[in-house]
Structures are given as C-alpha cells and as structure tokens.
Amino acid sequence: MTVRKLDSLLDQGEYSTARKLLRQRLKEAPGDHWLMAKMASTFASEGRHRDGLRWVRRALRLEPKCPIALWHLAYIYEGRRHYVGAVRVMKGLVSRPIRAYVASGPCAQSERWARDFVTDCYMMLAWVEQCRHRHNQAADAYRKHMSRRLKGSRSSMGFPLRAVRASLAEQERLARKQRRRGASRP
C-alpha cells in the first residue's frame, strides 16, 4: 500500500477499503502510529467518532506529539462537539515553533509541510471557535489563516480565500453585535 493509494481511497470516500489496507499493513507493522492515526481518520470521516477516538489514542500513546495524530484527535473532538478539547489541541499545534515539526524523529516533516499544516490548524481553530460562538477568537484565527496564505502558505482544506474573507467578515460582525449586547446589559 502506498500513501498515494491510501489518500486516493480516502479522497474518494472509500473508507472501508482503506481500513482493509490499513489492517493489512498493521499486521506487518503493529506499532506504526501513523497507520493508527490514518485508521482513526477513516472512522471519523464516517462519523464513527468513538471508533476513531480509540485508534487515535492508540497512536498518541506511541507518539504523543505526532502532529497528524493530534490533528485527527482535534477533528474527532470537533465531531463529538467537544469543542474545548479541540481548541486545546489546535492551540497546542499552532503554538509549536516550525522547527519542532522539522526536527528529527518519526514525525519529522519538511519546513514547507509544517508551515502549510499550521495554516490549516488556524482554519480548523477558526471553525471550532465559530461553533462555540466565540466570534472574536474565530475572527482572530481566520485572520491568522489568511495572513499565512497571503504570505505563501498553502491550505489543503480547499477553502478559497474569498470564502475565508466572508467567514472573517461574518465573525467580525457577530463579535461587534456580541459586544454591543454585552455593553447594554446592566
């Protein structure tokens, strides 16, 4: 199984087929945390968050700082509406210096990947804060996402900048409304 083949299956929504491949690989490499994190993503993508959580926790027991496993943990938390947990994980990921992602070890990545990953983390953070009706925080995360993209970072999440700008404008509007309501209360 190649990473491309697995990603292709996931992109096509072939989660069951992807799990079969992952199970085969896990028989060969039972301690591979990356395979466990990918297994978690197949379940989470189908809304089977409890199963996904079980797999991502296994991955994190092996590699507690793995950015991919932590991303999936935040995604699962968001899917379960455990927004506080998702925010905690995302804030931990965006607060890491880029060099922490590039360092050696089983989870080391390229600097370009790390910059793009943090850009995506800001997008997820914005979405989760928006779900929590924390409009100032959502707007701040949208601004940071946009700033990184305008400086050359890419996003794998597929949102055009105009859509991000529209979300930012909406969160700013809602934040102003929230402040006015708060100021008018005795």
Protein backbone atom coordinates (compact mmCIF):
# COMPACT_ATOMS: atom_id res chain seq x y z
CA MET A 1 0.00 0.00 0.00
CA THR A 2 1.36 3.37 -0.95
CA VAL A 3 0.48 6.63 0.76
CA ARG A 4 -0.92 7.91 -2.56
CA LYS A 5 -3.22 4.91 -2.90
CA LEU A 6 -4.45 5.33 0.66
CA ASP A 7 -5.01 9.07 0.23
CA SER A 8 -6.83 8.41 -3.03
CA LEU A 9 -9.18 5.96 -1.29
CA LEU A 10 -9.83 8.46 1.49
CA ASP A 11 -10.47 11.27 -1.01
CA GLN A 12 -13.00 9.05 -2.80
CA GLY A 13 -14.77 8.16 0.46
CA GLU A 14 -13.70 4.50 0.21
CA TYR A 15 -13.20 4.22 3.97
CA SER A 16 -13.96 0.53 4.27
CA THR A 17 -11.44 -0.35 1.55
CA ALA A 18 -8.88 1.96 3.17
CA ARG A 19 -9.41 0.20 6.52
CA LYS A 20 -8.78 -3.18 4.90
CA LEU A 21 -5.46 -1.92 3.54
CA LEU A 22 -4.57 -0.34 6.86
CA ARG A 23 -5.36 -3.55 8.75
CA GLN A 24 -3.08 -5.49 6.40
CA ARG A 25 -0.27 -3.01 7.00
CA LEU A 26 -0.86 -3.01 10.75
CA LYS A 27 -0.36 -6.78 10.77
CA GLU A 28 3.08 -6.15 9.26
CA ALA A 29 3.82 -3.10 11.46
CA PRO A 30 1.64 -3.30 14.58
CA GLY A 31 3.41 -0.39 16.26
CA ASP A 32 3.06 2.10 13.41
CA HIS A 33 1.33 5.11 14.94
CA TRP A 34 0.86 6.78 11.53
CA LEU A 35 -1.22 3.81 10.31
CA MET A 36 -3.27 4.01 13.51
CA ALA A 37 -3.88 7.74 13.00
CA LYS A 38 -5.00 7.08 9.41
CA MET A 39 -7.31 4.33 10.70
CA ALA A 40 -8.79 6.89 13.10
CA SER A 41 -9.43 9.26 10.19
CA THR A 42 -11.38 6.59 8.27
CA PHE A 43 -13.77 6.16 11.18
CA ALA A 44 -14.05 9.87 11.93
CA SER A 45 -14.82 10.65 8.29
CA GLU A 46 -17.83 8.34 8.56
CA GLY A 47 -18.97 9.94 11.80
CA ARG A 48 -17.84 6.93 13.83
CA HIS A 49 -16.03 9.12 16.33
CA ARG A 50 -15.89 6.61 19.17
CA ASP A 51 -14.01 4.12 16.96
CA GLY A 52 -11.81 6.91 15.64
CA LEU A 53 -11.03 8.09 19.16
CA ARG A 54 -9.94 4.60 20.17
CA TRP A 55 -7.50 4.42 17.23
CA VAL A 56 -6.10 7.93 17.63
CA ARG A 57 -5.49 7.35 21.34
CA ARG A 58 -3.51 4.23 20.46
CA ALA A 59 -1.42 6.28 18.05
CA LEU A 60 -0.84 9.02 20.64
CA ARG A 61 0.26 6.51 23.26
CA LEU A 62 3.09 5.62 20.89
CA GLU A 63 3.89 9.15 19.67
CA PRO A 64 2.22 11.76 21.92
CA LYS A 65 3.50 14.73 19.91
CA CYS A 66 2.65 13.45 16.43
CA PRO A 67 1.01 16.37 14.59
CA ILE A 68 -1.06 14.11 12.32
CA ALA A 69 -2.47 12.11 15.24
CA LEU A 70 -3.17 15.32 17.18
CA TRP A 71 -4.94 16.79 14.14
CA HIS A 72 -7.18 13.72 13.97
CA LEU A 73 -7.82 13.97 17.72
CA ALA A 74 -8.99 17.57 17.31
CA TYR A 75 -11.15 16.58 14.32
CA ILE A 76 -12.76 13.80 16.35
CA TYR A 77 -13.33 16.15 19.29
CA GLU A 78 -14.98 18.63 16.94
CA GLY A 79 -17.17 15.88 15.51
CA ARG A 80 -18.26 14.91 19.01
CA ARG A 81 -18.91 18.59 19.80
CA HIS A 82 -16.19 18.52 22.46
CA TYR A 83 -15.07 21.94 21.29
CA VAL A 84 -12.97 22.79 24.35
CA GLY A 85 -10.80 19.72 23.70
CA ALA A 86 -10.50 20.54 20.01
CA VAL A 87 -9.43 24.11 20.77
CA ARG A 88 -6.87 22.91 23.32
CA VAL A 89 -5.30 20.55 20.77
CA MET A 90 -5.32 23.13 17.96
CA LYS A 91 -3.81 25.85 20.16
CA GLY A 92 -1.08 23.42 21.12
CA LEU A 93 -0.33 22.75 17.46
CA VAL A 94 -0.25 26.41 16.37
CA SER A 95 1.91 27.41 19.34
CA ARG A 96 4.70 25.00 18.37
CA PRO A 97 7.61 26.60 16.59
CA ILE A 98 8.04 25.43 12.99
CA ARG A 99 11.40 23.87 13.91
CA ALA A 100 9.55 21.48 16.25
CA TYR A 101 7.83 19.96 13.22
CA VAL A 102 11.05 19.80 11.22
CA ALA A 103 13.12 18.17 13.98
CA SER A 104 14.26 14.58 13.60
CA GLY A 105 12.21 11.58 14.63
CA PRO A 106 9.35 9.55 13.23
CA CYS A 107 7.08 12.58 12.82
CA ALA A 108 9.60 14.97 11.25
CA GLN A 109 8.31 16.87 8.23
CA SER A 110 9.62 19.44 5.76
CA GLU A 111 9.51 23.10 6.66
CA ARG A 112 7.03 23.72 3.83
CA TRP A 113 4.73 20.97 5.13
CA ALA A 114 4.95 22.41 8.65
CA ARG A 115 4.03 25.92 7.53
CA ASP A 116 1.08 24.64 5.50
CA PHE A 117 -0.04 22.41 8.37
CA VAL A 118 -0.09 25.29 10.84
CA THR A 119 -2.09 27.32 8.29
CA ASP A 120 -4.69 24.53 8.21
CA CYS A 121 -4.66 24.37 12.01
CA TYR A 122 -5.69 28.03 12.14
CA MET A 123 -8.59 27.26 9.79
CA MET A 124 -9.79 24.40 11.98
CA LEU A 125 -9.35 26.55 15.09
CA ALA A 126 -11.46 29.29 13.48
CA TRP A 127 -14.20 26.81 12.65
CA VAL A 128 -14.29 25.35 16.17
CA GLU A 129 -14.34 28.78 17.80
CA GLN A 130 -17.16 29.73 15.43
CA CYS A 131 -19.10 26.65 16.58
CA ARG A 132 -18.56 27.80 20.17
CA HIS A 133 -19.95 31.27 19.29
CA ARG A 134 -16.62 32.78 20.32
CA HIS A 135 -16.63 35.22 17.45
CA ASN A 136 -13.58 37.31 18.42
CA GLN A 137 -11.45 34.17 18.70
CA ALA A 138 -12.84 32.80 15.44
CA ALA A 139 -12.09 36.08 13.65
CA ASP A 140 -8.56 36.10 15.06
CA ALA A 141 -7.91 32.55 13.81
CA TYR A 142 -9.38 33.38 10.37
CA ARG A 143 -7.07 36.43 10.19
CA LYS A 144 -4.03 34.31 11.03
CA HIS A 145 -5.04 31.69 8.46
CA MET A 146 -5.45 34.37 5.78
CA SER A 147 -2.21 36.10 6.68
CA ARG A 148 -0.26 32.86 6.36
CA ARG A 149 -1.85 32.11 2.98
CA LEU A 150 -1.17 35.61 1.68
CA LYS A 151 2.49 35.08 2.67
CA GLY A 152 2.67 31.90 0.57
CA SER A 153 1.50 29.07 2.80
CA ARG A 154 -0.90 26.65 1.16
CA SER A 155 -4.01 25.12 2.62
CA SER A 156 -5.13 21.59 1.92
CA MET A 157 -8.62 22.33 3.20
CA GLY A 158 -9.89 23.63 -0.12
CA PHE A 159 -11.43 26.92 1.02
CA PRO A 160 -10.84 29.77 -1.45
CA LEU A 161 -9.58 32.96 0.16
CA ARG A 162 -12.81 34.76 -0.74
CA ALA A 163 -14.74 32.24 1.38
CA VAL A 164 -12.31 32.74 4.27
CA ARG A 165 -12.71 36.52 3.94
CA ALA A 166 -16.50 36.14 4.02
CA SER A 167 -16.29 33.97 7.15
CA LEU A 168 -13.96 36.50 8.76
CA ALA A 169 -16.35 39.36 7.96
CA GLU A 170 -19.28 37.42 9.43
CA GLN A 171 -17.38 36.62 12.62
CA GLU A 172 -16.33 40.26 13.00
CA ARG A 173 -19.96 41.34 12.54
CA LEU A 174 -21.16 38.84 15.14
CA ALA A 175 -18.39 39.87 17.55
CA ARG A 176 -19.47 43.54 17.29
CA LYS A 177 -23.06 42.51 17.90
CA GLN A 178 -21.99 40.42 20.90
CA ARG A 179 -20.02 43.37 22.34
CA ARG A 180 -22.97 45.75 21.89
CA ARG A 181 -25.29 43.30 23.65
CA GLY A 182 -22.80 42.86 26.48
CA ALA A 183 -22.32 46.62 26.86
CA SER A 184 -26.08 47.25 27.04
CA ARG A 185 -26.60 44.83 29.92
CA PRO A 186 -26.73 46.36 33.42
